PDB file of N, CA and C in Angstrom:
ATOM      1  N   MET A   1     107.630 -20.227 -31.055  1.00  0.00           N
ATOM      2  CA  MET A   1     107.366 -18.880 -31.354  1.00  0.00           C
ATOM      3  C   MET A   1     106.652 -18.541 -30.044  1.00  0.00           C
ATOM      4  N   PRO A   2     107.457 -17.718 -28.966  1.00  0.00           N
ATOM      5  CA  PRO A   2     106.964 -17.082 -27.763  1.00  0.00           C
ATOM      6  C   PRO A   2     105.730 -16.171 -27.495  1.00  0.00           C
ATOM      7  N   ASP A   3     104.537 -16.848 -27.051  1.00  0.00           N
ATOM      8  CA  ASP A   3     103.655 -15.555 -27.118  1.00  0.00           C
ATOM      9  C   ASP A   3     103.619 -14.856 -25.584  1.00  0.00           C
ATOM     10  N   LEU A   4     103.684 -13.252 -25.602  1.00  0.00           N
ATOM     11  CA  LEU A   4     103.643 -12.417 -25.359  1.00  0.00           C
ATOM     12  C   LEU A   4     102.946 -11.490 -25.311  1.00  0.00           C
ATOM     13  N   ILE A   5     102.038 -10.952 -23.858  1.00  0.00           N
ATOM     14  CA  ILE A   5     101.299  -9.917 -23.293  1.00  0.00           C
ATOM     15  C   ILE A   5     102.615  -8.728 -23.755  1.00  0.00           C
ATOM     16  N   CYS A   6     102.358  -7.752 -24.315  1.00  0.00           N
ATOM     17  CA  CYS A   6     102.827  -6.175 -23.979  1.00  0.00           C
ATOM     18  C   CYS A   6     102.767  -5.918 -23.445  1.00  0.00           C
ATOM     19  N   ILE A   7     103.924  -5.436 -22.572  1.00  0.00           N
ATOM     20  CA  ILE A   7     103.343  -3.989 -21.289  1.00  0.00           C
ATOM     21  C   ILE A   7     104.046  -3.110 -21.381  1.00  0.00           C
ATOM     22  N   VAL A   8     103.931  -2.127 -22.966  1.00  0.00           N
ATOM     23  CA  VAL A   8     104.692  -1.158 -22.948  1.00  0.00           C
ATOM     24  C   VAL A   8     103.193  -0.126 -22.495  1.00  0.00           C
ATOM     25  N   CYS A   9     101.942  -0.261 -23.542  1.00  0.00           N
ATOM     26  CA  CYS A   9     100.641   0.487 -23.022  1.00  0.00           C
ATOM     27  C   CYS A   9     100.227   0.081 -22.573  1.00  0.00           C
ATOM     28  N   PRO A  10      98.468   0.338 -22.379  1.00  0.00           N
ATOM     29  CA  PRO A  10      97.545  -0.091 -21.374  1.00  0.00           C
ATOM     30  C   PRO A  10      96.965  -1.606 -22.471  1.00  0.00           C
ATOM     31  N   ARG A  11      97.116  -1.070 -23.838  1.00  0.00           N
ATOM     32  CA  ARG A  11      96.790  -2.580 -24.424  1.00  0.00           C
ATOM     33  C   ARG A  11      96.558  -3.782 -24.465  1.00  0.00           C
ATOM     34  N   GLY A  12      98.094  -3.975 -23.910  1.00  0.00           N
ATOM     35  CA  GLY A  12      98.137  -5.471 -23.787  1.00  0.00           C
ATOM     36  C   GLY A  12      97.962  -6.207 -24.867  1.00  0.00           C
ATOM     37  N   CYS A  13      98.576  -5.853 -26.044  1.00  0.00           N
ATOM     38  CA  CYS A  13      98.774  -7.068 -27.315  1.00  0.00           C
ATOM     39  C   CYS A  13      99.018  -8.234 -26.909  1.00  0.00           C
ATOM     40  N   ARG A  14      98.376  -9.414 -27.571  1.00  0.00           N
ATOM     41  CA  ARG A  14      99.234 -10.158 -27.493  1.00  0.00           C
ATOM     42  C   ARG A  14     100.240 -11.174 -29.128  1.00  0.00           C
ATOM     43  N   ILE A  15     101.371 -10.938 -28.793  1.00  0.00           N
ATOM     44  CA  ILE A  15     102.153 -10.552 -29.766  1.00  0.00           C
ATOM     45  C   ILE A  15     103.010 -11.924 -29.983  1.00  0.00           C
ATOM     46  N   GLN A  16     103.485 -12.398 -30.427  1.00  0.00           N
ATOM     47  CA  GLN A  16     104.200 -13.370 -30.886  1.00  0.00           C
ATOM     48  C   GLN A  16     105.205 -12.920 -31.519  1.00  0.00           C
ATOM     49  N   VAL A  17     106.513 -14.085 -31.155  1.00  0.00           N
ATOM     50  CA  VAL A  17     108.204 -13.285 -31.870  1.00  0.00           C
ATOM     51  C   VAL A  17     108.875 -14.674 -32.444  1.00  0.00           C
ATOM     52  N   ASP A  18     108.773 -15.009 -33.582  1.00  0.00           N
ATOM     53  CA  ASP A  18     109.521 -16.054 -34.233  1.00  0.00           C
ATOM     54  C   ASP A  18     110.899 -15.494 -34.494  1.00  0.00           C
ATOM     55  N   GLU A  19     111.307 -17.282 -34.977  1.00  0.00           N
ATOM     56  CA  GLU A  19     112.520 -17.452 -34.554  1.00  0.00           C
ATOM     57  C   GLU A  19     113.889 -16.195 -35.638  1.00  0.00           C
ATOM     58  N   ASN A  20     113.107 -15.561 -36.267  1.00  0.00           N
ATOM     59  CA  ASN A  20     114.004 -14.632 -36.990  1.00  0.00           C
ATOM     60  C   ASN A  20     113.447 -13.568 -36.527  1.00  0.00           C
ATOM     61  N   LEU A  21     113.322 -12.861 -35.251  1.00  0.00           N
ATOM     62  CA  LEU A  21     113.045 -12.060 -34.329  1.00  0.00           C
ATOM     63  C   LEU A  21     111.749 -10.731 -35.085  1.00  0.00           C
ATOM     64  N   ASN A  22     110.575 -11.289 -35.583  1.00  0.00           N
ATOM     65  CA  ASN A  22     109.326 -11.293 -36.670  1.00  0.00           C
ATOM     66  C   ASN A  22     108.520 -11.151 -35.855  1.00  0.00           C
ATOM     67  N   VAL A  23     107.984 -10.012 -35.872  1.00  0.00           N
ATOM     68  CA  VAL A  23     106.814  -9.809 -34.510  1.00  0.00           C
ATOM     69  C   VAL A  23     105.467  -9.487 -34.683  1.00  0.00           C
ATOM     70  N   THR A  24     104.513 -10.736 -34.791  1.00  0.00           N
ATOM     71  CA  THR A  24     103.186 -10.095 -35.089  1.00  0.00           C
ATOM     72  C   THR A  24     102.123 -10.476 -34.363  1.00  0.00           C
ATOM     73  N   GLY A  25     101.138  -9.255 -33.955  1.00  0.00           N
ATOM     74  CA  GLY A  25     100.029  -9.753 -33.151  1.00  0.00           C
ATOM     75  C   GLY A  25     100.395  -7.339 -32.362  1.00  0.00           C
ATOM     76  N   ASN A  26     101.015  -6.847 -32.623  1.00  0.00           N
ATOM     77  CA  ASN A  26     101.557  -5.874 -32.246  1.00  0.00           C
ATOM     78  C   ASN A  26     100.848  -4.397 -33.075  1.00  0.00           C
ATOM     79  N   PHE A  27     100.161  -3.991 -31.726  1.00  0.00           N
ATOM     80  CA  PHE A  27      99.323  -2.460 -32.510  1.00  0.00           C
ATOM     81  C   PHE A  27     100.206  -1.978 -32.924  1.00  0.00           C
ATOM     82  N   CYS A  28     101.160  -1.244 -32.315  1.00  0.00           N
ATOM     83  CA  CYS A  28     101.705  -0.343 -32.815  1.00  0.00           C
ATOM     84  C   CYS A  28     103.505  -0.984 -32.537  1.00  0.00           C
ATOM     85  N   LYS A  29     104.533   0.020 -33.144  1.00  0.00           N
ATOM     86  CA  LYS A  29     105.282  -0.208 -33.422  1.00  0.00           C
ATOM     87  C   LYS A  29     106.265  -0.304 -32.000  1.00  0.00           C
ATOM     88  N   ARG A  30     105.895   0.172 -30.769  1.00  0.00           N
ATOM     89  CA  ARG A  30     106.124  -0.274 -29.594  1.00  0.00           C
ATOM     90  C   ARG A  30     106.543  -1.356 -29.316  1.00  0.00           C
ATOM     91  N   GLY A  31     105.345  -1.666 -29.451  1.00  0.00           N
ATOM     92  CA  GLY A  31     105.064  -3.731 -29.127  1.00  0.00           C
ATOM     93  C   GLY A  31     106.265  -4.513 -30.231  1.00  0.00           C
ATOM     94  N   GLU A  32     106.568  -4.001 -31.023  1.00  0.00           N
ATOM     95  CA  GLU A  32     107.922  -4.551 -31.399  1.00  0.00           C
ATOM     96  C   GLU A  32     109.174  -4.724 -31.809  1.00  0.00           C
ATOM     97  N   THR A  33     109.477  -3.692 -30.736  1.00  0.00           N
ATOM     98  CA  THR A  33     110.417  -3.325 -29.812  1.00  0.00           C
ATOM     99  C   THR A  33     110.525  -4.045 -28.665  1.00  0.00           C
ATOM    100  N   TYR A  34     109.416  -4.358 -27.302  1.00  0.00           N
ATOM    101  CA  TYR A  34     109.466  -5.027 -26.826  1.00  0.00           C
ATOM    102  C   TYR A  34     109.457  -6.069 -27.150  1.00  0.00           C
ATOM    103  N   GLY A  35     108.618  -7.108 -27.979  1.00  0.00           N
ATOM    104  CA  GLY A  35     109.200  -8.362 -28.948  1.00  0.00           C
ATOM    105  C   GLY A  35     110.174  -8.696 -28.826  1.00  0.00           C
ATOM    106  N   ARG A  36     111.257  -8.552 -29.495  1.00  0.00           N
ATOM    107  CA  ARG A  36     112.930  -8.486 -29.963  1.00  0.00           C
ATOM    108  C   ARG A  36     112.748  -8.400 -28.684  1.00  0.00           C
ATOM    109  N   ASN A  37     112.876  -7.450 -27.680  1.00  0.00           N
ATOM    110  CA  ASN A  37     113.588  -7.196 -26.514  1.00  0.00           C
ATOM    111  C   ASN A  37     113.510  -8.310 -25.622  1.00  0.00           C
ATOM    112  N   GLU A  38     112.095  -9.067 -25.577  1.00  0.00           N
ATOM    113  CA  GLU A  38     111.980  -9.338 -24.182  1.00  0.00           C
ATOM    114  C   GLU A  38     112.633 -11.140 -24.841  1.00  0.00           C
ATOM    115  N   VAL A  39     112.743 -11.030 -26.146  1.00  0.00           N
ATOM    116  CA  VAL A  39     113.068 -12.253 -26.311  1.00  0.00           C
ATOM    117  C   VAL A  39     114.766 -12.696 -26.302  1.00  0.00           C
ATOM    118  N   THR A  40     115.507 -11.319 -26.619  1.00  0.00           N
ATOM    119  CA  THR A  40     116.862 -12.065 -26.654  1.00  0.00           C
ATOM    120  C   THR A  40     117.235 -11.261 -25.581  1.00  0.00           C
ATOM    121  N   HIS A  41     117.180  -9.425 -24.813  1.00  0.00           N
ATOM    122  CA  HIS A  41     118.159  -9.170 -23.055  1.00  0.00           C
ATOM    123  C   HIS A  41     116.197  -8.462 -23.247  1.00  0.00           C
ATOM    124  N   PRO A  42     115.689  -9.829 -21.848  1.00  0.00           N
ATOM    125  CA  PRO A  42     114.378  -9.296 -21.529  1.00  0.00           C
ATOM    126  C   PRO A  42     115.319  -8.155 -20.165  1.00  0.00           C
ATOM    127  N   MET A  43     114.569  -6.999 -19.839  1.00  0.00           N
ATOM    128  CA  MET A  43     115.178  -5.531 -18.886  1.00  0.00           C
ATOM    129  C   MET A  43     113.565  -5.360 -17.902  1.00  0.00           C
ATOM    130  N   ARG A  44     114.229  -5.454 -16.650  1.00  0.00           N
ATOM    131  CA  ARG A  44     113.274  -5.127 -15.556  1.00  0.00           C
ATOM    132  C   ARG A  44     113.555  -3.741 -15.210  1.00  0.00           C
ATOM    133  N   MET A  45     112.867  -3.048 -14.280  1.00  0.00           N
ATOM    134  CA  MET A  45     113.282  -2.719 -13.497  1.00  0.00           C
ATOM    135  C   MET A  45     112.852  -2.818 -11.991  1.00  0.00           C
ATOM    136  N   ILE A  46     113.306  -2.657 -10.579  1.00  0.00           N
ATOM    137  CA  ILE A  46     113.366  -3.557  -9.654  1.00  0.00           C
ATOM    138  C   ILE A  46     112.882  -1.946  -8.591  1.00  0.00           C
ATOM    139  N   THR A  47     111.396  -2.277  -7.813  1.00  0.00           N
ATOM    140  CA  THR A  47     111.483  -1.330  -6.636  1.00  0.00           C
ATOM    141  C   THR A  47     111.062  -2.819  -4.985  1.00  0.00           C
ATOM    142  N   SER A  48     111.725  -1.707  -4.165  1.00  0.00           N
ATOM    143  CA  SER A  48     112.188  -2.597  -3.243  1.00  0.00           C
ATOM    144  C   SER A  48     112.237  -1.789  -2.014  1.00  0.00           C
ATOM    145  N   THR A  49     112.431  -1.989  -0.843  1.00  0.00           N
ATOM    146  CA  THR A  49     113.295  -1.082   0.117  1.00  0.00           C
ATOM    147  C   THR A  49     114.070  -2.055   0.336  1.00  0.00           C
ATOM    148  N   VAL A  50     114.674  -0.844   1.769  1.00  0.00           N
ATOM    149  CA  VAL A  50     115.969  -1.188   2.513  1.00  0.00           C
ATOM    150  C   VAL A  50     115.869  -0.814   3.330  1.00  0.00           C
ATOM    151  N   LYS A  51     116.967  -1.141   4.629  1.00  0.00           N
ATOM    152  CA  LYS A  51     116.886  -0.807   5.861  1.00  0.00           C
ATOM    153  C   LYS A  51     117.438   1.049   6.247  1.00  0.00           C
ATOM    154  N   ILE A  52     116.603   1.453   7.074  1.00  0.00           N
ATOM    155  CA  ILE A  52     117.182   3.039   7.305  1.00  0.00           C
ATOM    156  C   ILE A  52     116.851   3.420   8.814  1.00  0.00           C
ATOM    157  N   LYS A  53     118.095   4.045   9.253  1.00  0.00           N
ATOM    158  CA  LYS A  53     118.596   4.218  10.803  1.00  0.00           C
ATOM    159  C   LYS A  53     117.618   5.647  10.289  1.00  0.00           C
ATOM    160  N   SER A  54     116.516   5.498  11.657  1.00  0.00           N
ATOM    161  CA  SER A  54     115.644   6.887  11.208  1.00  0.00           C
ATOM    162  C   SER A  54     114.165   6.883  12.443  1.00  0.00           C
ATOM    163  N   GLU A  55     113.938   7.362  13.087  1.00  0.00           N
ATOM    164  CA  GLU A  55     112.801   7.947  14.146  1.00  0.00           C
ATOM    165  C   GLU A  55     111.322   7.598  12.995  1.00  0.00           C
ATOM    166  N   ILE A  56     111.569   7.768  12.005  1.00  0.00           N
ATOM    167  CA  ILE A  56     110.307   7.532  11.493  1.00  0.00           C
ATOM    168  C   ILE A  56     109.921   5.976  10.888  1.00  0.00           C
ATOM    169  N   LEU A  57     110.624   5.416  10.013  1.00  0.00           N
ATOM    170  CA  LEU A  57     110.618   4.956   8.949  1.00  0.00           C
ATOM    171  C   LEU A  57     111.110   3.516   9.583  1.00  0.00           C
ATOM    172  N   VAL A  58     111.704   2.046   9.170  1.00  0.00           N
ATOM    173  CA  VAL A  58     112.114   1.325   9.529  1.00  0.00           C
ATOM    174  C   VAL A  58     113.171   0.704   7.952  1.00  0.00           C
ATOM    175  N   ARG A  59     111.882   0.767   7.003  1.00  0.00           N
ATOM    176  CA  ARG A  59     112.744   0.269   5.567  1.00  0.00           C
ATOM    177  C   ARG A  59     112.438   1.884   4.947  1.00  0.00           C
ATOM    178  N   LEU A  60     113.158   2.087   3.762  1.00  0.00           N
ATOM    179  CA  LEU A  60     112.848   3.001   2.780  1.00  0.00           C
ATOM    180  C   LEU A  60     112.346   2.273   1.298  1.00  0.00           C
ATOM    181  N   PRO A  61     112.136   2.975   1.044  1.00  0.00           N
ATOM    182  CA  PRO A  61     111.399   2.260  -0.467  1.00  0.00           C
ATOM    183  C   PRO A  61     112.527   3.242  -1.695  1.00  0.00           C
ATOM    184  N   VAL A  62     112.843   1.876  -2.278  1.00  0.00           N
ATOM    185  CA  VAL A  62     114.101   2.168  -3.699  1.00  0.00           C
ATOM    186  C   VAL A  62     113.575   2.234  -4.604  1.00  0.00           C
ATOM    187  N   MET A  63     114.090   2.282  -5.947  1.00  0.00           N
ATOM    188  CA  MET A  63     114.526   1.016  -6.728  1.00  0.00           C
ATOM    189  C   MET A  63     115.533   1.768  -7.972  1.00  0.00           C
ATOM    190  N   THR A  64     115.680   1.000  -8.897  1.00  0.00           N
ATOM    191  CA  THR A  64     116.341   0.881 -10.146  1.00  0.00           C
ATOM    192  C   THR A  64     116.891   2.218 -10.713  1.00  0.00           C
ATOM    193  N   ASP A  65     117.431   3.216 -11.294  1.00  0.00           N
ATOM    194  CA  ASP A  65     117.266   4.350 -11.945  1.00  0.00           C
ATOM    195  C   ASP A  65     117.127   3.669 -13.798  1.00  0.00           C
ATOM    196  N   ARG A  66     117.349   3.005 -14.393  1.00  0.00           N
ATOM    197  CA  ARG A  66     117.176   1.984 -15.143  1.00  0.00           C
ATOM    198  C   ARG A  66     116.609   0.774 -15.112  1.00  0.00           C
ATOM    199  N   PRO A  67     116.422   0.472 -16.221  1.00  0.00           N
ATOM    200  CA  PRO A  67     116.132  -1.181 -15.394  1.00  0.00           C
ATOM    201  C   PRO A  67     117.472  -1.867 -15.941  1.00  0.00           C
ATOM    202  N   ILE A  68     117.556  -3.228 -15.351  1.00  0.00           N
ATOM    203  CA  ILE A  68     118.827  -4.045 -15.112  1.00  0.00           C
ATOM    204  C   ILE A  68     118.302  -5.539 -15.899  1.00  0.00           C
ATOM    205  N   PRO A  69     119.435  -6.576 -16.632  1.00  0.00           N
ATOM    206  CA  PRO A  69     118.630  -7.445 -17.218  1.00  0.00           C
ATOM    207  C   PRO A  69     118.141  -8.083 -16.394  1.00  0.00           C
ATOM    208  N   LYS A  70     117.418  -9.035 -17.093  1.00  0.00           N
ATOM    209  CA  LYS A  70     116.121  -9.875 -16.016  1.00  0.00           C
ATOM    210  C   LYS A  70     117.066 -10.831 -15.434  1.00  0.00           C
ATOM    211  N   ASN A  71     117.467 -11.520 -15.512  1.00  0.00           N
ATOM    212  CA  ASN A  71     119.007 -12.592 -14.869  1.00  0.00           C
ATOM    213  C   ASN A  71     119.471 -11.887 -14.149  1.00  0.00           C
ATOM    214  N   GLN A  72     119.427 -10.752 -13.869  1.00  0.00           N
ATOM    215  CA  GLN A  72     120.455 -10.418 -12.363  1.00  0.00           C
ATOM    216  C   GLN A  72     119.637  -9.393 -11.227  1.00  0.00           C
ATOM    217  N   ILE A  73     118.616  -9.659 -11.664  1.00  0.00           N
ATOM    218  CA  ILE A  73     116.900  -9.961 -10.354  1.00  0.00           C
ATOM    219  C   ILE A  73     117.373 -10.567  -9.230  1.00  0.00           C
ATOM    220  N   PHE A  74     118.075 -11.432  -8.592  1.00  0.00           N
ATOM    221  CA  PHE A  74     117.746 -11.563  -7.582  1.00  0.00           C
ATOM    222  C   PHE A  74     119.242 -11.103  -7.343  1.00  0.00           C
ATOM    223  N   SER A  75     120.514 -11.042  -7.407  1.00  0.00           N
ATOM    224  CA  SER A  75     121.196 -10.763  -7.294  1.00  0.00           C
ATOM    225  C   SER A  75     121.342  -9.440  -6.959  1.00  0.00           C
ATOM    226  N   VAL A  76     120.157  -8.476  -7.682  1.00  0.00           N
ATOM    227  CA  VAL A  76     120.795  -6.793  -7.350  1.00  0.00           C
ATOM    228  C   VAL A  76     119.353  -7.009  -6.128  1.00  0.00           C
ATOM    229  N   MET A  77     118.057  -7.742  -5.804  1.00  0.00           N
ATOM    230  CA  MET A  77     117.434  -7.587  -4.627  1.00  0.00           C
ATOM    231  C   MET A  77     118.951  -8.587  -3.362  1.00  0.00           C
ATOM    232  N   GLU A  78     119.554  -9.367  -3.760  1.00  0.00           N
ATOM    233  CA  GLU A  78     120.977  -9.327  -2.694  1.00  0.00           C
ATOM    234  C   GLU A  78     121.296  -8.288  -1.959  1.00  0.00           C
ATOM    235  N   ALA A  79     121.841  -7.559  -2.902  1.00  0.00           N
ATOM    236  CA  ALA A  79     122.916  -6.541  -2.249  1.00  0.00           C
ATOM    237  C   ALA A  79     121.807  -5.237  -2.044  1.00  0.00           C
ATOM    238  N   ILE A  80     120.755  -5.396  -2.609  1.00  0.00           N
ATOM    239  CA  ILE A  80     119.890  -4.492  -1.557  1.00  0.00           C
ATOM    240  C   ILE A  80     119.520  -4.652  -0.147  1.00  0.00           C
ATOM    241  N   ASN A  81     119.230  -5.832  -0.138  1.00  0.00           N
ATOM    242  CA  ASN A  81     118.888  -6.541   1.234  1.00  0.00           C
ATOM    243  C   ASN A  81     120.245  -6.284   1.952  1.00  0.00           C
ATOM    244  N   GLN A  82     121.141  -6.283   1.959  1.00  0.00           N
ATOM    245  CA  GLN A  82     122.419  -5.925   2.621  1.00  0.00           C
ATOM    246  C   GLN A  82     122.726  -4.602   3.100  1.00  0.00           C
ATOM    247  N   ALA A  83     121.741  -3.183   2.228  1.00  0.00           N
ATOM    248  CA  ALA A  83     122.384  -2.135   2.045  1.00  0.00           C
ATOM    249  C   ALA A  83     121.418  -1.818   3.409  1.00  0.00           C
ATOM    250  N   GLU A  84     121.933  -0.040   4.145  1.00  0.00           N
ATOM    251  CA  GLU A  84     121.855   0.235   5.232  1.00  0.00           C
ATOM    252  C   GLU A  84     122.179   1.525   4.919  1.00  0.00           C
ATOM    253  N   VAL A  85     121.080   2.863   5.262  1.00  0.00           N
ATOM    254  CA  VAL A  85     121.319   3.818   5.140  1.00  0.00           C
ATOM    255  C   VAL A  85     120.554   4.322   6.284  1.00  0.00           C
ATOM    256  N   GLN A  86     121.045   5.976   5.891  1.00  0.00           N
ATOM    257  CA  GLN A  86     121.284   7.021   7.624  1.00  0.00           C
ATOM    258  C   GLN A  86     120.472   7.597   7.116  1.00  0.00           C
ATOM    259  N   ALA A  87     119.102   8.245   7.912  1.00  0.00           N
ATOM    260  CA  ALA A  87     118.123   9.658   7.369  1.00  0.00           C
ATOM    261  C   ALA A  87     119.537  10.383   7.797  1.00  0.00           C
ATOM    262  N   PRO A  88     118.852  12.031   7.321  1.00  0.00           N
ATOM    263  CA  PRO A  88     117.824  12.362   6.379  1.00  0.00           C
ATOM    264  C   PRO A  88     117.984  11.311   4.890  1.00  0.00           C
ATOM    265  N   ILE A  89     117.502  11.287   4.357  1.00  0.00           N
ATOM    266  CA  ILE A  89     117.484  10.561   2.725  1.00  0.00           C
ATOM    267  C   ILE A  89     116.735  11.264   2.093  1.00  0.00           C
ATOM    268  N   LYS A  90     117.176  11.938   0.807  1.00  0.00           N
ATOM    269  CA  LYS A  90     116.108  12.533  -0.120  1.00  0.00           C
ATOM    270  C   LYS A  90     115.768  12.233  -1.516  1.00  0.00           C
ATOM    271  N   ILE A  91     114.224  11.938  -2.707  1.00  0.00           N
ATOM    272  CA  ILE A  91     114.171  11.603  -3.543  1.00  0.00           C
ATOM    273  C   ILE A  91     115.620  11.347  -3.959  1.00  0.00           C
ATOM    274  N   ARG A  92     115.561  10.506  -4.823  1.00  0.00           N
ATOM    275  CA  ARG A  92     116.649  10.433  -6.197  1.00  0.00           C
ATOM    276  C   ARG A  92     117.731  10.470  -4.863  1.00  0.00           C
ATOM    277  N   ASP A  93     118.124  10.113  -3.881  1.00  0.00           N
ATOM    278  CA  ASP A  93     119.240   9.920  -3.105  1.00  0.00           C
ATOM    279  C   ASP A  93     120.069   8.618  -3.595  1.00  0.00           C
ATOM    280  N   VAL A  94     121.273   8.116  -4.690  1.00  0.00           N
ATOM    281  CA  VAL A  94     121.538   6.972  -4.681  1.00  0.00           C
ATOM    282  C   VAL A  94     122.127   6.418  -3.569  1.00  0.00           C
ATOM    283  N   VAL A  95     121.240   4.920  -3.190  1.00  0.00           N
ATOM    284  CA  VAL A  95     121.435   4.368  -1.865  1.00  0.00           C
ATOM    285  C   VAL A  95     122.024   3.363  -2.251  1.00  0.00           C
ATOM    286  N   ILE A  96     122.752   3.103  -3.450  1.00  0.00           N
ATOM    287  CA  ILE A  96     123.788   1.470  -3.984  1.00  0.00           C
ATOM    288  C   ILE A  96     124.173   2.497  -5.177  1.00  0.00           C
ATOM    289  N   LYS A  97     125.291   2.790  -5.671  1.00  0.00           N
ATOM    290  CA  LYS A  97     125.978   3.166  -6.150  1.00  0.00           C
ATOM    291  C   LYS A  97     126.642   2.445  -7.646  1.00  0.00           C
ATOM    292  N   ASN A  98     126.356   2.564  -8.604  1.00  0.00           N
ATOM    293  CA  ASN A  98     126.623   1.037  -9.813  1.00  0.00           C
ATOM    294  C   ASN A  98     126.854  -0.486  -9.067  1.00  0.00           C
ATOM    295  N   VAL A  99     125.470  -0.835  -8.771  1.00  0.00           N
ATOM    296  CA  VAL A  99     125.353  -1.920  -8.323  1.00  0.00           C
ATOM    297  C   VAL A  99     125.662  -3.261  -8.876  1.00  0.00           C
ATOM    298  N   LEU A 100     126.355  -4.490  -8.384  1.00  0.00           N
ATOM    299  CA  LEU A 100     126.692  -5.421  -9.243  1.00  0.00           C
ATOM    300  C   LEU A 100     127.827  -4.888 -10.160  1.00  0.00           C
ATOM    301  N   GLY A 101     128.099  -4.048 -10.622  1.00  0.00           N
ATOM    302  CA  GLY A 101     128.544  -3.446 -11.860  1.00  0.00           C
ATOM    303  C   GLY A 101     128.366  -2.872 -13.216  1.00  0.00           C
ATOM    304  N   LEU A 102     126.368  -3.093 -12.938  1.00  0.00           N
ATOM    305  CA  LEU A 102     125.440  -3.226 -14.440  1.00  0.00           C
ATOM    306  C   LEU A 102     125.544  -1.426 -14.518  1.00  0.00           C
ATOM    307  N   GLY A 103     125.912  -0.617 -14.141  1.00  0.00           N
ATOM    308  CA  GLY A 103     125.697   0.937 -14.834  1.00  0.00           C
ATOM    309  C   GLY A 103     124.596   1.633 -13.644  1.00  0.00           C
ATOM    310  N   VAL A 104     123.949   0.655 -13.426  1.00  0.00           N
ATOM    311  CA  VAL A 104     122.818   1.301 -12.420  1.00  0.00           C
ATOM    312  C   VAL A 104     122.381   1.303 -11.292  1.00  0.00           C
ATOM    313  N   ASP A 105     122.103   2.499 -10.763  1.00  0.00           N
ATOM    314  CA  ASP A 105     122.326   2.813  -8.667  1.00  0.00           C
ATOM    315  C   ASP A 105     120.736   2.716  -9.089  1.00  0.00           C
ATOM    316  N   ILE A 106     120.941   2.633  -7.490  1.00  0.00           N
ATOM    317  CA  ILE A 106     119.513   1.766  -6.725  1.00  0.00           C
ATOM    318  C   ILE A 106     119.229   3.293  -5.818  1.00  0.00           C
ATOM    319  N   VAL A 107     118.095   4.206  -6.240  1.00  0.00           N
ATOM    320  CA  VAL A 107     117.771   5.894  -5.851  1.00  0.00           C
ATOM    321  C   VAL A 107     116.546   5.140  -4.428  1.00  0.00           C
ATOM    322  N   ALA A 108     116.675   6.459  -3.479  1.00  0.00           N
ATOM    323  CA  ALA A 108     115.403   6.500  -2.900  1.00  0.00           C
ATOM    324  C   ALA A 108     114.601   6.827  -3.401  1.00  0.00           C
ATOM    325  N   THR A 109     113.353   6.475  -2.912  1.00  0.00           N
ATOM    326  CA  THR A 109     111.912   7.210  -3.614  1.00  0.00           C
ATOM    327  C   THR A 109     110.878   8.007  -3.040  1.00  0.00           C
ATOM    328  N   ARG A 110     111.201   8.589  -1.601  1.00  0.00           N
ATOM    329  CA  ARG A 110     110.840   9.042  -0.593  1.00  0.00           C
ATOM    330  C   ARG A 110     112.005   9.675  -0.128  1.00  0.00           C
ATOM    331  N   ASN A 111     111.381  11.355   0.301  1.00  0.00           N
ATOM    332  CA  ASN A 111     112.279  11.884   1.321  1.00  0.00           C
ATOM    333  C   ASN A 111     111.389  11.060   2.986  1.00  0.00           C
ATOM    334  N   VAL A 112     113.127  11.291   3.852  1.00  0.00           N
ATOM    335  CA  VAL A 112     113.255  10.962   5.202  1.00  0.00           C
ATOM    336  C   VAL A 112     113.365  11.927   6.004  1.00  0.00           C
ATOM    337  N   GLU A 113     113.263  12.652   7.004  1.00  0.00           N
ATOM    338  CA  GLU A 113     114.414  13.812   7.231  1.00  0.00           C
ATOM    339  C   GLU A 113     115.130  13.293   8.252  1.00  0.00           C
ATOM    340  N   LYS A 114     114.047  12.280   9.367  1.00  0.00           N
ATOM    341  CA  LYS A 114     114.893  11.889  10.909  1.00  0.00           C
ATOM    342  C   LYS A 114     114.814  10.255  11.101  1.00  0.00           C
TER     343      LYS A 114
END
């Protein structure tokens, strides 16, 4: 039975998930959902930077627009590291569309004029 610390809210409950996916130790229903998902299909958001041709910055902060499977983190990071964009860029502009066919976009998290 894996011991997990729930990250859904600031409470940080120590939860356990048994082989039948029963969750104990959670304070709220969201902890139960988190525990099951973490054991069966863990997902993560990625924040990183990409190269940008700009007079202001050399790296543009980016993030996934939704969580990706945890086992795809390193592959997505390779794609991010190979990307390069040209200013101007606006927040939420898509930097990489449908990265690795996951149905997830990599988006800018900062405006850059030039």
